[in-house]
Protein backbone atom coordinates (compact mmCIF):
# COMPACT_ATOMS: atom_id res chain seq x y z
CA MET A 1 -28.30 148.96 159.66
CA ALA A 2 -29.80 152.33 160.55
CA GLY A 3 -28.85 155.24 158.55
CA THR A 4 -29.47 158.17 155.69
CA ARG A 5 -31.63 157.11 152.60
CA GLY A 6 -31.53 158.78 149.47
CA GLN A 7 -28.29 160.34 149.73
CA THR A 8 -27.49 163.08 146.71
CA ARG A 9 -25.16 162.10 144.19
CA GLY A 10 -21.82 163.22 145.88
CA THR A 11 -19.35 166.05 144.73
CA THR A 12 -15.64 166.48 144.44
CA ALA A 13 -14.11 167.67 147.77
CA PRO A 14 -10.34 167.69 148.56
CA ILE A 15 -10.66 165.95 151.75
CA MET A 16 -13.34 163.49 153.02
CA TYR A 17 -13.32 161.87 156.42
CA VAL A 18 -14.82 158.89 157.57
CA SER A 19 -15.36 158.50 161.38
CA ALA A 20 -16.35 155.65 163.39
CA ASP A 21 -16.90 154.01 167.09
CA GLY A 22 -18.67 152.30 169.25
CA THR A 23 -20.90 152.61 172.40
CA GLY A 24 -23.02 150.38 174.85
CA VAL A 25 -26.75 150.61 174.84
CA PRO A 26 -28.43 149.02 177.45
CA MET A 27 -30.71 146.09 177.09
CA ARG A 28 -33.36 143.79 178.34
CA LYS A 29 -32.40 140.62 180.04
CA GLU A 30 -33.46 138.55 177.31
CA GLU A 31 -31.53 140.35 174.60
CA LEU A 32 -28.15 139.98 176.34
CA ALA A 33 -28.66 135.69 176.82
CA GLY A 34 -25.25 134.31 176.60
CA ARG A 35 -23.46 137.35 176.15
CA ALA A 36 -20.28 138.41 177.31
CA GLY A 37 -20.03 141.33 178.91
CA LYS A 38 -17.84 143.29 181.96
CA GLN A 39 -20.02 142.70 184.99
CA PRO A 40 -18.24 140.86 187.81
CA ASP A 41 -19.69 137.87 187.06
CA GLY A 42 -18.97 137.80 183.12
CA SER A 43 -22.50 139.14 182.05
CA ALA A 44 -23.10 141.62 179.94
CA LYS A 45 -25.74 144.61 180.62
CA THR A 46 -25.69 146.62 177.04
CA ARG A 47 -25.20 145.66 173.40
CA LEU A 48 -22.73 147.47 171.49
CA ALA A 49 -24.06 150.00 168.92
CA TYR A 50 -21.33 151.20 166.17
CA LEU A 51 -21.72 154.84 164.64
CA GLY A 52 -20.31 156.14 161.86
CA CYS A 53 -20.34 159.12 159.97
CA VAL A 54 -19.12 160.80 156.70
CA PHE A 55 -18.08 164.78 156.47
CA THR A 56 -15.79 166.75 153.86
CA GLN A 57 -13.67 169.64 154.15
CA HIS A 58 -12.74 172.39 151.67
CA LYS A 59 -10.78 174.61 153.40
CA THR A 60 -8.98 175.77 156.68
CA ASP A 61 -9.45 178.81 159.09
CA GLU A 62 -6.64 182.11 158.90
CA GLN A 63 -5.00 179.81 161.74
CA GLY A 64 -4.70 176.62 159.18
CA HIS A 65 -6.95 174.70 161.60
CA PRO A 66 -9.33 172.77 159.35
CA VAL A 67 -12.94 173.74 158.74
CA ARG A 68 -15.89 171.21 158.65
CA ASP A 69 -18.08 171.94 155.56
CA TYR A 70 -21.62 172.84 156.70
CA GLU A 71 -24.27 170.08 157.22
CA SER A 72 -21.66 167.74 155.23
CA THR A 73 -22.45 164.67 157.83
CA PRO A 74 -24.55 162.07 157.82
CA TYR A 75 -24.46 159.15 159.88
CA VAL A 76 -25.33 155.42 159.94
CA SER A 77 -25.49 152.97 162.90
CA SER A 78 -25.74 149.45 163.72
CA PHE A 79 -25.91 146.26 166.21
CA GLY A 80 -24.15 144.05 163.95
CA SER A 81 -20.48 143.02 163.92
CA ILE A 82 -17.78 145.44 162.77
CA GLU A 83 -17.49 142.97 159.93
CA GLU A 84 -21.45 144.43 158.79
CA PHE A 85 -20.92 147.59 159.99
CA GLY A 86 -17.42 148.70 157.70
CA PRO A 87 -19.20 147.89 154.46
CA CYS A 88 -22.39 149.74 154.68
CA LEU A 89 -20.12 152.76 156.21
CA ARG A 90 -18.50 152.64 152.86
CA GLN A 91 -21.54 152.59 151.11
CA ASP A 92 -22.45 155.70 152.50
CA ALA A 93 -19.16 157.32 151.82
CA ILE A 94 -19.52 155.70 148.33
CA ARG A 95 -23.09 158.02 148.20
CA ARG A 96 -21.09 161.01 149.55
CA GLY A 97 -18.95 160.74 146.49
CA LEU A 98 -15.62 158.60 147.86
CA ALA A 99 -14.46 158.27 144.61
CA LEU A 100 -14.45 161.48 143.96
CA ALA A 101 -12.35 162.76 146.93
CA ARG A 102 -9.05 163.77 146.40
CA GLN A 103 -8.14 162.92 149.95
CA VAL A 104 -9.46 159.96 152.12
CA VAL A 105 -8.87 160.56 156.07
CA LEU A 106 -10.11 157.37 158.73
CA LEU A 107 -10.32 158.98 162.33
CA ILE A 108 -10.66 156.42 164.99
CA ASP A 109 -9.65 155.47 168.51
CA GLY A 110 -6.99 153.25 167.62
CA ALA A 111 -9.33 150.22 168.60
CA GLU A 112 -8.05 147.62 166.14
CA GLY A 113 -10.98 146.10 164.76
CA LEU A 114 -11.77 149.99 163.82
CA ALA A 115 -8.11 149.88 162.12
CA ASN A 116 -8.79 146.73 160.50
CA MET A 117 -12.31 148.01 159.30
CA GLY A 118 -10.25 151.12 157.82
CA ARG A 119 -7.94 148.55 155.77
CA LEU A 120 -10.57 146.08 154.50
CA CYS A 121 -13.12 149.26 153.38
CA PHE A 122 -10.96 152.26 152.93
CA PRO A 123 -7.38 151.18 151.91
CA THR A 124 -6.24 154.28 150.54
CA ALA A 125 -7.47 156.30 153.23
CA THR A 126 -4.91 157.92 155.69
CA GLN A 127 -5.67 156.70 159.53
CA ILE A 128 -5.48 159.16 162.28
CA VAL A 129 -5.93 158.29 165.56
CA ASP A 130 -7.77 160.86 167.90
CA PHE A 131 -5.35 163.25 169.39
CA TYR A 132 -6.90 163.10 173.03
CA HIS A 133 -7.37 159.38 172.94
CA ALA A 134 -3.76 159.37 172.24
CA MET A 135 -3.47 161.61 175.49
CA GLU A 136 -5.79 159.76 177.18
CA HIS A 137 -3.15 156.96 177.06
CA ALA A 138 -0.49 158.94 177.63
CA GLY A 139 -1.87 159.40 180.79
CA LYS A 140 -2.07 155.74 181.28
CA VAL A 141 1.90 155.28 180.45
CA LEU A 142 2.62 158.04 183.09
CA VAL A 143 0.47 156.58 185.76
CA ALA A 144 2.09 153.20 185.03
CA LEU A 145 5.46 155.33 185.30
CA LEU A 146 5.01 157.24 188.35
CA GLY A 147 2.54 155.85 190.07
CA SER A 148 -0.16 158.32 190.17
CA LYS A 149 -1.82 161.11 188.64
CA GLU A 150 -1.10 162.72 191.98
CA HIS A 151 2.42 162.58 191.71
CA PRO A 152 4.08 166.57 191.40
CA ASP A 153 5.79 165.84 187.74
CA TYR A 154 2.50 164.12 186.56
CA LYS A 155 0.79 167.46 184.93
CA THR A 156 3.83 168.78 183.62
CA ARG A 157 4.93 165.62 181.94
CA LEU A 158 1.79 164.83 180.08
CA GLY A 159 2.05 168.63 178.63
CA ARG A 160 5.41 167.43 177.50
CA TRP A 161 3.86 164.33 175.90
CA ALA A 162 1.28 166.46 174.18
CA LYS A 163 4.09 168.74 172.77
CA LYS A 164 6.31 165.92 171.51
CA LEU A 165 3.27 163.92 170.14
CA LEU A 166 2.40 167.07 167.93
CA ASN A 167 6.16 167.42 166.86
CA ASN A 168 5.93 163.52 164.99
CA GLN A 169 8.56 162.55 168.31
CA ILE A 170 6.35 159.15 169.26
CA GLU A 171 9.27 157.07 168.62
CA GLN A 172 11.46 158.91 170.86
CA LEU A 173 8.76 159.28 173.62
CA ILE A 174 8.80 155.39 173.58
CA ALA A 175 12.40 155.41 174.06
CA GLN A 176 12.77 157.60 176.64
CA THR A 177 10.17 156.08 178.47
CA ARG A 178 11.67 152.64 178.05
CA LYS A 179 15.15 154.17 178.88
CA GLU A 180 13.60 155.70 182.37
CA CYS A 181 11.84 152.62 183.80
CA ALA A 182 14.41 149.76 182.74
CA GLY A 183 15.29 147.36 185.48
CA LYS A 184 12.39 149.06 187.86
CA ALA A 185 9.41 147.09 188.97
CA GLN A 186 6.86 149.09 186.97
CA THR A 187 8.66 147.95 183.91
CA GLU A 188 5.90 145.46 182.93
CA ALA A 189 3.35 147.89 183.46
CA VAL A 190 4.70 150.69 181.51
CA GLU A 191 5.63 148.32 178.67
CA LYS A 192 1.69 147.42 178.36
CA GLU A 193 0.46 150.89 178.24
CA LEU A 194 2.85 151.68 175.61
CA GLY A 195 1.75 149.21 173.39
CA TYR A 196 -0.76 151.01 172.26
CA PHE A 197 1.50 153.63 171.36
CA LEU A 198 3.40 150.93 169.70
CA ASN A 199 0.48 149.73 167.39
CA ASN A 200 -0.23 153.18 166.05
CA ILE A 201 2.63 155.07 165.53
CA ALA A 202 1.94 155.46 161.70
CA ARG A 203 -1.34 157.18 162.58
CA MET A 204 -0.24 159.38 165.43
CA GLN A 205 2.04 161.46 163.08
CA TYR A 206 0.59 164.59 164.15
CA GLY A 207 2.69 166.98 162.99
CA THR A 208 2.76 165.87 159.81
CA PHE A 209 -1.14 165.59 159.85
CA ARG A 210 -1.50 168.96 160.82
CA ARG A 211 0.61 170.36 158.03
CA LYS A 212 -1.73 169.10 155.47
CA GLY A 213 -4.60 170.94 157.23
CA PHE A 214 -6.08 167.34 158.35
CA PHE A 215 -8.44 167.18 161.53
CA ILE A 216 -6.66 165.06 164.18
CA GLY A 217 -9.74 164.52 166.72
CA SER A 218 -12.72 162.86 166.50
CA GLY A 219 -15.01 165.09 167.77
CA VAL A 220 -17.75 164.53 165.58
CA ILE A 221 -17.98 160.91 165.84
CA GLU A 222 -17.66 161.58 169.81
CA ALA A 223 -20.49 163.99 170.06
CA GLY A 224 -22.88 161.87 167.66
CA CYS A 225 -22.42 158.98 169.78
CA LYS A 226 -23.50 161.53 172.77
CA THR A 227 -26.36 163.14 170.54
CA VAL A 228 -27.57 160.19 168.11
CA ILE A 229 -27.15 157.18 170.82
CA GLY A 230 -26.72 158.34 174.01
CA ALA A 231 -29.49 161.34 174.44
CA ARG A 232 -32.05 158.97 173.39
CA CYS A 233 -31.22 155.50 174.01
CA LYS A 234 -28.74 155.87 177.60
CA GLN A 235 -31.47 157.58 179.72
CA SER A 236 -31.97 156.25 183.24
CA GLY A 237 -34.29 153.39 183.69
CA MET A 238 -33.82 152.51 179.68
CA PHE A 239 -33.44 148.83 178.60
CA TRP A 240 -34.25 147.96 175.03
CA SER A 241 -35.07 145.29 172.56
CA GLU A 242 -32.53 145.26 169.77
CA PRO A 243 -35.42 145.73 166.91
CA GLY A 244 -37.00 148.78 169.26
CA ALA A 245 -33.32 150.10 169.42
CA GLN A 246 -32.60 149.74 165.71
CA ASN A 247 -35.52 151.64 164.65
CA VAL A 248 -34.83 154.65 167.31
CA LEU A 249 -31.14 154.88 165.90
CA ALA A 250 -32.61 154.67 162.42
CA LEU A 251 -34.80 157.59 162.89
CA ARG A 252 -32.05 159.37 164.81
CA CYS A 253 -29.48 159.28 162.21
CA ILE A 254 -31.62 159.98 159.29
CA HIS A 255 -32.76 163.26 161.42
CA SER A 256 -29.42 164.08 162.52
CA SER A 257 -28.36 163.56 158.84
CA ARG A 258 -31.09 166.15 158.06
CA ARG A 259 -32.70 163.69 155.69
CA LEU A 260 -36.07 163.11 157.69
CA GLY A 261 -38.32 165.09 154.80
CA GLN A 262 -36.53 162.79 152.59
CA PHE A 263 -36.93 159.87 154.15
CA TRP A 264 -41.06 160.59 154.74
CA LEU A 265 -41.07 161.29 151.03
CA GLU A 266 -39.53 157.86 149.91
CA ARG A 267 -41.98 155.92 152.40
CA LEU A 268 -44.91 158.03 150.95
CA ASN A 269 -44.11 157.34 147.22
CA ALA A 270 -43.55 153.78 148.30
CA HIS A 271 -46.94 152.90 149.84
CA ALA A 272 -48.65 154.92 146.71
CA ALA A 273 -46.61 152.49 144.61
CA HIS A 274 -47.94 149.58 146.53
CA ASN A 275 -51.41 150.51 146.48
CA ASP A 276 -51.05 151.21 142.64
CA SER A 277 -49.97 147.63 142.13
CA LEU A 278 -52.51 146.13 144.29
CA ALA A 279 -55.16 148.50 141.83
CA LEU A 280 -53.63 146.57 138.87
CA ALA A 281 -53.51 143.20 140.21
CA ALA A 282 -57.30 143.85 140.70
């Protein structure tokens, strides 16, 4: 597990956000032996690394949009399973003041693994599916229904989906789409894409979430995946060992969490304490 160390004691925050995502890191062949992947032969080229962050919000702007507290975002990462990662992310939230937060919000992409992690590790949190992932899946529904993004009605109808999603009309959208494709050849394909929305109705009440002043986008963790992991570990020609990638991600998380000075101070103190114990033993 890579992450921040020596996090200061949390303080009361009106809203605490927890967010997480996963991204593939290119690994050496020996690190991927026996692992299933998405290559044509079923092999893997990457290992999944989870990244999580915690941040707080005290206010909204003049338009009612949420404002993330300045320098309030530490990161943690892991190549372990979601069952291992979730409790570590919870520990970081506890250090940030989870018990003192008046409202906890979990921002995810709708993946069942992350949703289940939220239920287990943040049971009182309001779960929100990132609006932009919802729109990406709305596009897939429309492609299944219309046949192509090149259809003349595609962009107009995608805009309608956005407006209705922002007005808590997800169930109406599902019903209307089913009615439109009933008895047609594309019914099965449309129903498959609608499954994402059926599984996330409660997490897609964007009108309600916006009235409460919540973030509905997971841009913070998406940017983190690109800057903390992608910018260092996914450059052309890079292939990592797990220990090497884990160490790099640990330092990247600590640096991005603005705890690098504190990290090295702790290392120095630990080294001094070790030398003192050796001196006493002698």
